[in-house]
Amino acid sequence: MHYRRMGRSGLKLSALSLGSWLTFARQIGRNDARELVAHAYDSGVNFFDNAEAYADGESEQLMGDVIADLRLPRDGWCVSSKVFFGSASEPRPTQKGLSRKHIVDACHAALKRLRVDYLDLYYCHRHDPDTPVEEVVISMDALIRQGKVLYWGTSEWPADAIEEACKFAVKHGLIAPAVEQPQYNLFHRQRVELEYAPLFSAYGIGLTTWSPLASGLLTGKYLDSSTSHARLQRKDLDWLARSVRGDSAEQRDKQVGHFVELCQQYELSPTQLAIAWCLSNPHVSSVILGATTVAQLEHNLHSLSLLGRVEEELMAKAQSLFECD
């Protein structure tokens, strides 16, 4: 396993981490989750990503139970939560958003579900136009000073809002966001590579990125008509399929087809090259993986072996197959 500093902070995260979105408490239960976390930790993974909204809080509950079962040393791993969407199936106004009340309530609830005394990372899951950025910064600063959170960050925030938070924090001697969690893959690059570019040098923001495989699209498995029961084919995830494939499904399938052919020429796994491509960005602190089986996780973890072995020319060639959205 490789470890990278989270932006300008002193925290070192595993280059590959394990997330629970759409898997824990939805696709997999306690036994499978336990095997995944155990294998990830034994492989050097030290960051486990969660959110209050994942399976309405049940994902965090399962993650907390599993880690407690395994008795992993608390100083050997990091765990996160995210606040914004709420954990109630039909949240009331005070059960969602980034008001000070919800930020604090959600933090306490996540601590209880995850069975920890503090969160290593606590993200604001989206920007909240109804809450002043100053209120968010002050609320997060307070939680950190109380020892309930170590680092705070944002997820899918516009760059100008992140900059506003950083400037306010610096001006008033408060703790600024240290990390952003955006979607980042060969299809989805503009925000990370263009919009966020000024934040890296100015504020030392780190990145823990999600969906390196575009929900499996970049693996090439959806090119096979016999594929069934995969994530983008589930009826309850129609919204995700529309989001990933958009109005250009045919064009995206064509791009993936060329990508798979390129990988075949070099005898590489499309999955591993797509993940390694994300890791090739020096601003990426950790790429969050999703998995339902140990075999799948192991295959994804082997993406690290491509770093330093795959030439920059091939990475560039792979990238050229996809338009920057």
C-alpha atoms as a PDB file:
ATOM      1  CA  MET A   1       0.000   0.000   0.000  1.00  0.00           C
ATOM      2  CA  HIS A   2       1.095   3.549  -0.704  1.00  0.00           C
ATOM      3  CA  TYR A   3       0.283   6.418   1.664  1.00  0.00           C
ATOM      4  CA  ARG A   4      -0.217  10.046   0.773  1.00  0.00           C
ATOM      5  CA  ARG A   5      -0.561  13.237   2.776  1.00  0.00           C
ATOM      6  CA  MET A   6      -4.061  14.630   2.780  1.00  0.00           C
ATOM      7  CA  GLY A   7      -3.289  17.900   1.083  1.00  0.00           C
ATOM      8  CA  ARG A   8      -1.147  20.121   3.273  1.00  0.00           C
ATOM      9  CA  SER A   9      -2.176  18.358   6.485  1.00  0.00           C
ATOM     10  CA  GLY A  10       0.029  15.876   8.324  1.00  0.00           C
ATOM     11  CA  LEU A  11      -2.502  13.054   7.970  1.00  0.00           C
ATOM     12  CA  LYS A  12      -1.386  10.187   5.737  1.00  0.00           C
ATOM     13  CA  LEU A  13      -4.140   8.193   4.072  1.00  0.00           C
ATOM     14  CA  SER A  14      -3.862   4.979   2.100  1.00  0.00           C
ATOM     15  CA  ALA A  15      -3.849   5.764  -1.609  1.00  0.00           C
ATOM     16  CA  LEU A  16      -6.802   3.393  -1.934  1.00  0.00           C
ATOM     17  CA  SER A  17      -9.598   3.397   0.624  1.00  0.00           C
ATOM     18  CA  LEU A  18     -12.879   1.568   1.171  1.00  0.00           C
ATOM     19  CA  GLY A  19     -16.272   3.231   0.982  1.00  0.00           C
ATOM     20  CA  SER A  20     -19.720   2.004   1.981  1.00  0.00           C
ATOM     21  CA  TRP A  21     -21.998   3.875  -0.441  1.00  0.00           C
ATOM     22  CA  LEU A  22     -24.605   1.595  -2.097  1.00  0.00           C
ATOM     23  CA  THR A  23     -22.955  -1.543  -0.685  1.00  0.00           C
ATOM     24  CA  PHE A  24     -22.997  -1.732   3.120  1.00  0.00           C
ATOM     25  CA  ALA A  25     -26.477  -2.578   4.463  1.00  0.00           C
ATOM     26  CA  ARG A  26     -27.864  -2.565   0.916  1.00  0.00           C
ATOM     27  CA  GLN A  27     -25.991  -5.090  -1.185  1.00  0.00           C
ATOM     28  CA  ILE A  28     -24.027  -6.801   1.567  1.00  0.00           C
ATOM     29  CA  GLY A  29     -24.657  -7.812   5.169  1.00  0.00           C
ATOM     30  CA  ARG A  30     -22.505  -8.257   8.240  1.00  0.00           C
ATOM     31  CA  ASN A  31     -20.460 -11.300   7.213  1.00  0.00           C
ATOM     32  CA  ASP A  32     -19.472  -9.954   3.805  1.00  0.00           C
ATOM     33  CA  ALA A  33     -18.808  -6.493   5.236  1.00  0.00           C
ATOM     34  CA  ARG A  34     -16.579  -8.003   7.907  1.00  0.00           C
ATOM     35  CA  GLU A  35     -14.535  -9.873   5.306  1.00  0.00           C
ATOM     36  CA  LEU A  36     -14.166  -6.752   3.172  1.00  0.00           C
ATOM     37  CA  VAL A  37     -13.021  -4.531   6.032  1.00  0.00           C
ATOM     38  CA  ALA A  38     -10.646  -7.203   7.352  1.00  0.00           C
ATOM     39  CA  HIS A  39      -9.082  -7.755   3.929  1.00  0.00           C
ATOM     40  CA  ALA A  40      -8.818  -4.021   3.278  1.00  0.00           C
ATOM     41  CA  TYR A  41      -7.120  -3.387   6.609  1.00  0.00           C
ATOM     42  CA  ASP A  42      -4.760  -6.343   6.180  1.00  0.00           C
ATOM     43  CA  SER A  43      -3.856  -4.928   2.756  1.00  0.00           C
ATOM     44  CA  GLY A  44      -2.880  -1.593   4.293  1.00  0.00           C
ATOM     45  CA  VAL A  45      -6.083   0.385   3.800  1.00  0.00           C
ATOM     46  CA  ASN A  46      -6.402   2.873   6.662  1.00  0.00           C
ATOM     47  CA  PHE A  47      -9.373   4.990   5.553  1.00  0.00           C
ATOM     48  CA  PHE A  48     -13.018   3.901   5.613  1.00  0.00           C
ATOM     49  CA  ASP A  49     -15.542   6.330   4.170  1.00  0.00           C
ATOM     50  CA  ASN A  50     -19.174   6.746   5.239  1.00  0.00           C
ATOM     51  CA  ALA A  51     -22.046   9.236   5.353  1.00  0.00           C
ATOM     52  CA  GLU A  52     -25.183   9.745   7.397  1.00  0.00           C
ATOM     53  CA  ALA A  53     -27.303   9.314   4.267  1.00  0.00           C
ATOM     54  CA  TYR A  54     -25.921   5.948   3.186  1.00  0.00           C
ATOM     55  CA  ALA A  55     -28.757   3.445   3.706  1.00  0.00           C
ATOM     56  CA  ASP A  56     -30.338   6.011   6.054  1.00  0.00           C
ATOM     57  CA  GLY A  57     -27.579   5.544   8.616  1.00  0.00           C
ATOM     58  CA  GLU A  58     -27.571   1.751   8.509  1.00  0.00           C
ATOM     59  CA  SER A  59     -24.338   1.727   6.494  1.00  0.00           C
ATOM     60  CA  GLU A  60     -22.500   3.531   9.300  1.00  0.00           C
ATOM     61  CA  GLN A  61     -24.080   1.236  11.845  1.00  0.00           C
ATOM     62  CA  LEU A  62     -22.823  -1.812   9.948  1.00  0.00           C
ATOM     63  CA  MET A  63     -19.360  -0.322   9.486  1.00  0.00           C
ATOM     64  CA  GLY A  64     -19.126   0.456  13.195  1.00  0.00           C
ATOM     65  CA  ASP A  65     -20.279  -3.029  14.188  1.00  0.00           C
ATOM     66  CA  VAL A  66     -17.797  -4.707  11.857  1.00  0.00           C
ATOM     67  CA  ILE A  67     -14.816  -2.652  12.976  1.00  0.00           C
ATOM     68  CA  ALA A  68     -15.750  -3.358  16.597  1.00  0.00           C
ATOM     69  CA  ASP A  69     -15.971  -7.083  15.778  1.00  0.00           C
ATOM     70  CA  LEU A  70     -12.477  -7.011  14.280  1.00  0.00           C
ATOM     71  CA  ARG A  71     -11.060  -5.029  17.203  1.00  0.00           C
ATOM     72  CA  LEU A  72      -8.865  -2.957  14.947  1.00  0.00           C
ATOM     73  CA  PRO A  73      -6.567  -0.593  16.893  1.00  0.00           C
ATOM     74  CA  ARG A  74      -8.165   2.872  16.814  1.00  0.00           C
ATOM     75  CA  ASP A  75      -4.890   4.613  16.067  1.00  0.00           C
ATOM     76  CA  GLY A  76      -4.362   2.459  12.971  1.00  0.00           C
ATOM     77  CA  TRP A  77      -7.301   3.611  10.840  1.00  0.00           C
ATOM     78  CA  CYS A  78      -9.396   6.635   9.916  1.00  0.00           C
ATOM     79  CA  VAL A  79     -13.136   6.831   9.529  1.00  0.00           C
ATOM     80  CA  SER A  80     -15.332   9.552   8.075  1.00  0.00           C
ATOM     81  CA  SER A  81     -18.919  10.685   8.025  1.00  0.00           C
ATOM     82  CA  LYS A  82     -20.728  13.285   5.963  1.00  0.00           C
ATOM     83  CA  VAL A  83     -23.519  15.657   6.893  1.00  0.00           C
ATOM     84  CA  PHE A  84     -26.198  17.263   4.734  1.00  0.00           C
ATOM     85  CA  PHE A  85     -28.870  14.875   3.438  1.00  0.00           C
ATOM     86  CA  GLY A  86     -29.899  13.494   6.824  1.00  0.00           C
ATOM     87  CA  SER A  87     -30.402   9.892   7.877  1.00  0.00           C
ATOM     88  CA  ALA A  88     -34.194   9.955   8.141  1.00  0.00           C
ATOM     89  CA  SER A  89     -36.109   8.608   5.136  1.00  0.00           C
ATOM     90  CA  GLU A  90     -38.224  11.777   5.171  1.00  0.00           C
ATOM     91  CA  PRO A  91     -36.120  14.322   7.078  1.00  0.00           C
ATOM     92  CA  ARG A  92     -37.691  17.323   8.758  1.00  0.00           C
ATOM     93  CA  PRO A  93     -36.111  20.768   8.208  1.00  0.00           C
ATOM     94  CA  THR A  94     -33.834  20.415  11.242  1.00  0.00           C
ATOM     95  CA  GLN A  95     -32.708  16.932  10.182  1.00  0.00           C
ATOM     96  CA  LYS A  96     -30.904  17.977   7.014  1.00  0.00           C
ATOM     97  CA  GLY A  97     -28.731  20.755   5.638  1.00  0.00           C
ATOM     98  CA  LEU A  98     -25.763  22.455   7.248  1.00  0.00           C
ATOM     99  CA  SER A  99     -27.311  24.434  10.077  1.00  0.00           C
ATOM    100  CA  ARG A 100     -25.262  24.342  13.270  1.00  0.00           C
ATOM    101  CA  LYS A 101     -27.972  22.193  14.833  1.00  0.00           C
ATOM    102  CA  HIS A 102     -27.889  19.518  12.152  1.00  0.00           C
ATOM    103  CA  ILE A 103     -24.090  19.510  11.908  1.00  0.00           C
ATOM    104  CA  VAL A 104     -23.851  18.866  15.661  1.00  0.00           C
ATOM    105  CA  ASP A 105     -26.748  16.397  15.855  1.00  0.00           C
ATOM    106  CA  ALA A 106     -25.446  14.441  12.861  1.00  0.00           C
ATOM    107  CA  CYS A 107     -21.956  14.302  14.325  1.00  0.00           C
ATOM    108  CA  HIS A 108     -23.234  12.836  17.596  1.00  0.00           C
ATOM    109  CA  ALA A 109     -25.369  10.321  15.705  1.00  0.00           C
ATOM    110  CA  ALA A 110     -22.429   9.248  13.517  1.00  0.00           C
ATOM    111  CA  LEU A 111     -20.200   8.795  16.568  1.00  0.00           C
ATOM    112  CA  LYS A 112     -22.803   6.517  18.087  1.00  0.00           C
ATOM    113  CA  ARG A 113     -23.398   4.498  14.910  1.00  0.00           C
ATOM    114  CA  LEU A 114     -19.703   4.093  14.163  1.00  0.00           C
ATOM    115  CA  ARG A 115     -18.870   3.338  17.806  1.00  0.00           C
ATOM    116  CA  VAL A 116     -16.040   5.864  17.991  1.00  0.00           C
ATOM    117  CA  ASP A 117     -15.152   8.778  20.259  1.00  0.00           C
ATOM    118  CA  TYR A 118     -14.162  11.005  17.359  1.00  0.00           C
ATOM    119  CA  LEU A 119     -14.408  11.224  13.568  1.00  0.00           C
ATOM    120  CA  ASP A 120     -11.125  11.491  11.731  1.00  0.00           C
ATOM    121  CA  LEU A 121     -12.814  13.284   8.838  1.00  0.00           C
ATOM    122  CA  TYR A 122     -16.172  15.015   8.758  1.00  0.00           C
ATOM    123  CA  TYR A 123     -17.433  16.270   5.392  1.00  0.00           C
ATOM    124  CA  CYS A 124     -20.162  18.704   4.448  1.00  0.00           C
ATOM    125  CA  HIS A 125     -21.774  16.453   1.842  1.00  0.00           C
ATOM    126  CA  ARG A 126     -23.036  19.305  -0.319  1.00  0.00           C
ATOM    127  CA  HIS A 127     -22.983  23.094  -0.230  1.00  0.00           C
ATOM    128  CA  ASP A 128     -26.044  24.492   1.529  1.00  0.00           C
ATOM    129  CA  PRO A 129     -27.219  27.791   0.001  1.00  0.00           C
ATOM    130  CA  ASP A 130     -29.585  28.286   2.973  1.00  0.00           C
ATOM    131  CA  THR A 131     -26.767  28.329   5.550  1.00  0.00           C
ATOM    132  CA  PRO A 132     -24.053  31.016   5.666  1.00  0.00           C
ATOM    133  CA  VAL A 133     -20.584  29.596   5.118  1.00  0.00           C
ATOM    134  CA  GLU A 134     -19.492  31.367   8.308  1.00  0.00           C
ATOM    135  CA  GLU A 135     -21.949  29.264  10.322  1.00  0.00           C
ATOM    136  CA  VAL A 136     -20.573  26.074   8.803  1.00  0.00           C
ATOM    137  CA  VAL A 137     -16.948  27.020   9.532  1.00  0.00           C
ATOM    138  CA  ILE A 138     -17.712  28.039  13.122  1.00  0.00           C
ATOM    139  CA  SER A 139     -19.676  24.826  13.724  1.00  0.00           C
ATOM    140  CA  MET A 140     -16.911  22.590  12.367  1.00  0.00           C
ATOM    141  CA  ASP A 141     -14.236  24.519  14.251  1.00  0.00           C
ATOM    142  CA  ALA A 142     -16.155  23.998  17.496  1.00  0.00           C
ATOM    143  CA  LEU A 143     -16.446  20.238  16.951  1.00  0.00           C
ATOM    144  CA  ILE A 144     -12.722  19.994  16.292  1.00  0.00           C
ATOM    145  CA  ARG A 145     -11.851  21.982  19.416  1.00  0.00           C
ATOM    146  CA  GLN A 146     -14.165  19.693  21.396  1.00  0.00           C
ATOM    147  CA  GLY A 147     -12.218  16.667  20.154  1.00  0.00           C
ATOM    148  CA  LYS A 148     -15.164  15.146  18.301  1.00  0.00           C
ATOM    149  CA  VAL A 149     -13.657  15.711  14.841  1.00  0.00           C
ATOM    150  CA  LEU A 150     -10.011  15.868  13.728  1.00  0.00           C
ATOM    151  CA  TYR A 151     -10.293  17.259  10.186  1.00  0.00           C
ATOM    152  CA  TRP A 152     -13.233  18.671   8.292  1.00  0.00           C
ATOM    153  CA  GLY A 153     -13.858  19.033   4.618  1.00  0.00           C
ATOM    154  CA  THR A 154     -16.388  19.408   1.843  1.00  0.00           C
ATOM    155  CA  SER A 155     -17.863  17.154  -0.820  1.00  0.00           C
ATOM    156  CA  GLU A 156     -18.943  18.390  -4.238  1.00  0.00           C
ATOM    157  CA  TRP A 157     -18.738  22.028  -3.185  1.00  0.00           C
ATOM    158  CA  PRO A 158     -18.195  24.726  -5.808  1.00  0.00           C
ATOM    159  CA  ALA A 159     -14.672  26.130  -5.653  1.00  0.00           C
ATOM    160  CA  ASP A 160     -15.817  29.640  -4.743  1.00  0.00           C
ATOM    161  CA  ALA A 161     -17.639  28.332  -1.639  1.00  0.00           C
ATOM    162  CA  ILE A 162     -14.565  26.372  -0.524  1.00  0.00           C
ATOM    163  CA  GLU A 163     -12.430  29.471  -0.986  1.00  0.00           C
ATOM    164  CA  GLU A 164     -14.934  31.543   0.983  1.00  0.00           C
ATOM    165  CA  ALA A 165     -14.746  29.042   3.848  1.00  0.00           C
ATOM    166  CA  CYS A 166     -10.954  29.049   3.795  1.00  0.00           C
ATOM    167  CA  LYS A 167     -10.700  32.844   3.760  1.00  0.00           C
ATOM    168  CA  PHE A 168     -13.184  33.224   6.619  1.00  0.00           C
ATOM    169  CA  ALA A 169     -11.343  30.629   8.688  1.00  0.00           C
ATOM    170  CA  VAL A 170      -7.942  32.248   8.145  1.00  0.00           C
ATOM    171  CA  LYS A 171      -9.260  35.738   8.892  1.00  0.00           C
ATOM    172  CA  HIS A 172     -10.838  34.689  12.193  1.00  0.00           C
ATOM    173  CA  GLY A 173      -8.265  32.174  13.382  1.00  0.00           C
ATOM    174  CA  LEU A 174     -10.557  29.196  12.834  1.00  0.00           C
ATOM    175  CA  ILE A 175      -9.805  25.759  11.392  1.00  0.00           C
ATOM    176  CA  ALA A 176     -10.277  25.683   7.626  1.00  0.00           C
ATOM    177  CA  PRO A 177     -11.445  22.732   5.513  1.00  0.00           C
ATOM    178  CA  ALA A 178      -8.539  20.425   4.716  1.00  0.00           C
ATOM    179  CA  VAL A 179     -10.070  18.142   2.118  1.00  0.00           C
ATOM    180  CA  GLU A 180     -12.668  17.940  -0.657  1.00  0.00           C
ATOM    181  CA  GLN A 181     -14.377  14.746  -1.828  1.00  0.00           C
ATOM    182  CA  PRO A 182     -15.390  15.046  -5.500  1.00  0.00           C
ATOM    183  CA  GLN A 183     -16.308  12.541  -8.149  1.00  0.00           C
ATOM    184  CA  TYR A 184     -13.264  11.920 -10.335  1.00  0.00           C
ATOM    185  CA  ASN A 185     -12.825   9.513 -13.221  1.00  0.00           C
ATOM    186  CA  LEU A 186     -11.974   9.486 -16.929  1.00  0.00           C
ATOM    187  CA  PHE A 187     -15.463  10.755 -17.741  1.00  0.00           C
ATOM    188  CA  HIS A 188     -15.674  13.332 -14.979  1.00  0.00           C
ATOM    189  CA  ARG A 189     -12.587  15.559 -14.776  1.00  0.00           C
ATOM    190  CA  GLN A 190     -13.431  19.222 -15.164  1.00  0.00           C
ATOM    191  CA  ARG A 191     -14.150  20.084 -11.536  1.00  0.00           C
ATOM    192  CA  VAL A 192     -10.960  18.510 -10.185  1.00  0.00           C
ATOM    193  CA  GLU A 193      -8.604  19.522 -12.963  1.00  0.00           C
ATOM    194  CA  LEU A 194      -9.923  22.992 -13.755  1.00  0.00           C
ATOM    195  CA  GLU A 195     -12.298  24.403 -11.150  1.00  0.00           C
ATOM    196  CA  TYR A 196     -10.337  23.234  -8.108  1.00  0.00           C
ATOM    197  CA  ALA A 197      -6.866  23.911  -9.539  1.00  0.00           C
ATOM    198  CA  PRO A 198      -6.332  27.242  -7.697  1.00  0.00           C
ATOM    199  CA  LEU A 199      -7.283  25.683  -4.331  1.00  0.00           C
ATOM    200  CA  PHE A 200      -4.384  23.248  -4.194  1.00  0.00           C
ATOM    201  CA  SER A 201      -1.570  25.781  -4.045  1.00  0.00           C
ATOM    202  CA  ALA A 202      -3.513  28.528  -2.276  1.00  0.00           C
ATOM    203  CA  TYR A 203      -5.050  26.474   0.546  1.00  0.00           C
ATOM    204  CA  GLY A 204      -3.443  23.030   0.388  1.00  0.00           C
ATOM    205  CA  ILE A 205      -6.758  21.236  -0.110  1.00  0.00           C
ATOM    206  CA  GLY A 206      -6.457  17.445  -0.392  1.00  0.00           C
ATOM    207  CA  LEU A 207      -8.757  15.180  -2.405  1.00  0.00           C
ATOM    208  CA  THR A 208     -10.411  11.904  -1.473  1.00  0.00           C
ATOM    209  CA  THR A 209     -12.149  11.053  -4.721  1.00  0.00           C
ATOM    210  CA  TRP A 210     -15.094   8.755  -5.410  1.00  0.00           C
ATOM    211  CA  SER A 211     -16.447   6.714  -8.345  1.00  0.00           C
ATOM    212  CA  PRO A 212     -13.129   5.993 -10.112  1.00  0.00           C
ATOM    213  CA  LEU A 213     -14.937   3.481 -12.340  1.00  0.00           C
ATOM    214  CA  ALA A 214     -18.000   5.651 -13.060  1.00  0.00           C
ATOM    215  CA  SER A 215     -20.176   3.125 -11.210  1.00  0.00           C
ATOM    216  CA  GLY A 216     -18.599   0.266 -13.141  1.00  0.00           C
ATOM    217  CA  LEU A 217     -19.008   1.754 -16.606  1.00  0.00           C
ATOM    218  CA  LEU A 218     -15.240   1.956 -17.149  1.00  0.00           C
ATOM    219  CA  THR A 219     -14.768  -1.742 -16.437  1.00  0.00           C
ATOM    220  CA  GLY A 220     -16.363  -2.518 -19.778  1.00  0.00           C
ATOM    221  CA  LYS A 221     -18.786  -5.015 -18.269  1.00  0.00           C
ATOM    222  CA  TYR A 222     -21.846  -3.170 -19.566  1.00  0.00           C
ATOM    223  CA  LEU A 223     -20.655  -3.734 -23.131  1.00  0.00           C
ATOM    224  CA  ASP A 224     -21.565  -7.394 -22.624  1.00  0.00           C
ATOM    225  CA  SER A 225     -25.287  -7.895 -23.207  1.00  0.00           C
ATOM    226  CA  SER A 226     -25.242 -10.927 -20.915  1.00  0.00           C
ATOM    227  CA  THR A 227     -24.278  -8.832 -17.900  1.00  0.00           C
ATOM    228  CA  SER A 228     -27.119  -8.755 -15.368  1.00  0.00           C
ATOM    229  CA  HIS A 229     -27.760  -7.624 -11.802  1.00  0.00           C
ATOM    230  CA  ALA A 230     -24.961  -5.050 -12.007  1.00  0.00           C
ATOM    231  CA  ARG A 231     -25.348  -1.682 -10.304  1.00  0.00           C
ATOM    232  CA  LEU A 232     -26.518   0.321 -13.309  1.00  0.00           C
ATOM    233  CA  GLN A 233     -29.107  -2.333 -14.196  1.00  0.00           C
ATOM    234  CA  ARG A 234     -30.936  -2.265 -10.880  1.00  0.00           C
ATOM    235  CA  LYS A 235     -34.395  -0.676 -11.050  1.00  0.00           C
ATOM    236  CA  ASP A 236     -33.918   1.078  -7.709  1.00  0.00           C
ATOM    237  CA  LEU A 237     -30.811   2.776  -9.128  1.00  0.00           C
ATOM    238  CA  ASP A 238     -32.335   4.160 -12.326  1.00  0.00           C
ATOM    239  CA  TRP A 239     -31.367   7.631 -11.120  1.00  0.00           C
ATOM    240  CA  LEU A 240     -27.710   6.565 -10.947  1.00  0.00           C
ATOM    241  CA  ALA A 241     -27.756   5.052 -14.421  1.00  0.00           C
ATOM    242  CA  ARG A 242     -29.195   8.288 -15.805  1.00  0.00           C
ATOM    243  CA  SER A 243     -26.565  10.298 -13.965  1.00  0.00           C
ATOM    244  CA  VAL A 244     -23.649   8.165 -15.164  1.00  0.00           C
ATOM    245  CA  ARG A 245     -24.759   7.627 -18.750  1.00  0.00           C
ATOM    246  CA  GLY A 246     -26.723  10.822 -19.229  1.00  0.00           C
ATOM    247  CA  ASP A 247     -28.086  11.581 -22.682  1.00  0.00           C
ATOM    248  CA  SER A 248     -24.988  10.188 -24.390  1.00  0.00           C
ATOM    249  CA  ALA A 249     -25.126   6.487 -23.485  1.00  0.00           C
ATOM    250  CA  GLU A 250     -24.181   5.398 -27.007  1.00  0.00           C
ATOM    251  CA  GLN A 251     -21.220   7.771 -27.114  1.00  0.00           C
ATOM    252  CA  ARG A 252     -20.017   6.703 -23.690  1.00  0.00           C
ATOM    253  CA  ASP A 253     -20.264   3.029 -24.594  1.00  0.00           C
ATOM    254  CA  LYS A 254     -18.186   3.765 -27.694  1.00  0.00           C
ATOM    255  CA  GLN A 255     -15.536   5.493 -25.597  1.00  0.00           C
ATOM    256  CA  VAL A 256     -15.464   2.617 -23.136  1.00  0.00           C
ATOM    257  CA  GLY A 257     -15.133   0.173 -26.030  1.00  0.00           C
ATOM    258  CA  HIS A 258     -12.029   1.995 -27.280  1.00  0.00           C
ATOM    259  CA  PHE A 259     -10.660   2.092 -23.732  1.00  0.00           C
ATOM    260  CA  VAL A 260     -11.130  -1.662 -23.325  1.00  0.00           C
ATOM    261  CA  GLU A 261      -9.406  -2.262 -26.667  1.00  0.00           C
ATOM    262  CA  LEU A 262      -6.473  -0.109 -25.549  1.00  0.00           C
ATOM    263  CA  CYS A 263      -6.171  -2.088 -22.332  1.00  0.00           C
ATOM    264  CA  GLN A 264      -6.265  -5.354 -24.268  1.00  0.00           C
ATOM    265  CA  GLN A 265      -3.392  -4.174 -26.457  1.00  0.00           C
ATOM    266  CA  TYR A 266      -1.243  -3.687 -23.364  1.00  0.00           C
ATOM    267  CA  GLU A 267      -2.663  -6.710 -21.522  1.00  0.00           C
ATOM    268  CA  LEU A 268      -4.030  -4.525 -18.739  1.00  0.00           C
ATOM    269  CA  SER A 269      -7.254  -4.626 -16.777  1.00  0.00           C
ATOM    270  CA  PRO A 270      -9.580  -1.690 -17.646  1.00  0.00           C
ATOM    271  CA  THR A 271     -10.593  -1.560 -13.990  1.00  0.00           C
ATOM    272  CA  GLN A 272      -7.032  -1.281 -12.756  1.00  0.00           C
ATOM    273  CA  LEU A 273      -5.954   1.236 -15.390  1.00  0.00           C
ATOM    274  CA  ALA A 274      -8.963   3.465 -14.674  1.00  0.00           C
ATOM    275  CA  ILE A 275      -8.131   3.486 -10.947  1.00  0.00           C
ATOM    276  CA  ALA A 276      -4.407   3.958 -11.580  1.00  0.00           C
ATOM    277  CA  TRP A 277      -5.230   6.902 -13.842  1.00  0.00           C
ATOM    278  CA  CYS A 278      -7.005   8.600 -10.920  1.00  0.00           C
ATOM    279  CA  LEU A 279      -4.001   7.937  -8.695  1.00  0.00           C
ATOM    280  CA  SER A 280      -1.669   9.481 -11.264  1.00  0.00           C
ATOM    281  CA  ASN A 281      -3.053  12.909 -10.321  1.00  0.00           C
ATOM    282  CA  PRO A 282      -0.671  14.169  -7.589  1.00  0.00           C
ATOM    283  CA  HIS A 283      -3.466  16.127  -5.899  1.00  0.00           C
ATOM    284  CA  VAL A 284      -5.449  12.951  -5.182  1.00  0.00           C
ATOM    285  CA  SER A 285      -4.820  11.839  -1.599  1.00  0.00           C
ATOM    286  CA  SER A 286      -6.970   8.705  -1.725  1.00  0.00           C
ATOM    287  CA  VAL A 287      -9.265   6.994  -4.220  1.00  0.00           C
ATOM    288  CA  ILE A 288     -12.341   5.504  -2.553  1.00  0.00           C
ATOM    289  CA  LEU A 289     -13.227   2.021  -3.761  1.00  0.00           C
ATOM    290  CA  GLY A 290     -16.565   0.271  -3.568  1.00  0.00           C
ATOM    291  CA  ALA A 291     -16.736  -3.514  -3.501  1.00  0.00           C
ATOM    292  CA  THR A 292     -19.150  -6.308  -2.691  1.00  0.00           C
ATOM    293  CA  THR A 293     -16.680  -9.212  -2.637  1.00  0.00           C
ATOM    294  CA  VAL A 294     -13.130  -9.740  -1.436  1.00  0.00           C
ATOM    295  CA  ALA A 295     -12.112 -10.866  -4.926  1.00  0.00           C
ATOM    296  CA  GLN A 296     -13.393  -7.621  -6.402  1.00  0.00           C
ATOM    297  CA  LEU A 297     -11.630  -5.574  -3.749  1.00  0.00           C
ATOM    298  CA  GLU A 298      -8.375  -7.476  -4.244  1.00  0.00           C
ATOM    299  CA  HIS A 299      -8.502  -6.869  -7.999  1.00  0.00           C
ATOM    300  CA  ASN A 300      -9.045  -3.149  -7.423  1.00  0.00           C
ATOM    301  CA  LEU A 301      -6.236  -2.920  -4.879  1.00  0.00           C
ATOM    302  CA  HIS A 302      -3.809  -4.336  -7.431  1.00  0.00           C
ATOM    303  CA  SER A 303      -4.240  -1.079  -9.363  1.00  0.00           C
ATOM    304  CA  LEU A 304      -1.352   0.194  -7.266  1.00  0.00           C
ATOM    305  CA  SER A 305       0.986  -2.156  -9.088  1.00  0.00           C
ATOM    306  CA  LEU A 306       0.467  -0.144 -12.290  1.00  0.00           C
ATOM    307  CA  LEU A 307       1.926   3.039 -10.798  1.00  0.00           C
ATOM    308  CA  GLY A 308       5.468   3.460 -12.001  1.00  0.00           C
ATOM    309  CA  ARG A 309       4.998   0.548 -14.414  1.00  0.00           C
ATOM    310  CA  VAL A 310       2.586   2.161 -16.867  1.00  0.00           C
ATOM    311  CA  GLU A 311       4.200   4.909 -18.905  1.00  0.00           C
ATOM    312  CA  GLU A 312       2.776   8.439 -18.867  1.00  0.00           C
ATOM    313  CA  GLU A 313       2.241   8.128 -22.604  1.00  0.00           C
ATOM    314  CA  LEU A 314      -0.269   5.310 -22.065  1.00  0.00           C
ATOM    315  CA  MET A 315      -2.063   7.273 -19.335  1.00  0.00           C
ATOM    316  CA  ALA A 316      -2.333  10.219 -21.724  1.00  0.00           C
ATOM    317  CA  LYS A 317      -3.536   7.961 -24.520  1.00  0.00           C
ATOM    318  CA  ALA A 318      -6.261   6.547 -22.264  1.00  0.00           C
ATOM    319  CA  GLN A 319      -7.319  10.049 -21.211  1.00  0.00           C
ATOM    320  CA  SER A 320      -7.484  11.231 -24.823  1.00  0.00           C
ATOM    321  CA  LEU A 321     -10.304   8.742 -25.454  1.00  0.00           C
ATOM    322  CA  PHE A 322     -12.601  10.723 -23.174  1.00  0.00           C
ATOM    323  CA  GLU A 323     -13.820  14.252 -23.492  1.00  0.00           C
ATOM    324  CA  CYS A 324     -13.355  16.441 -20.428  1.00  0.00           C
ATOM    325  CA  ASP A 325     -16.954  17.090 -19.320  1.00  0.00           C
END
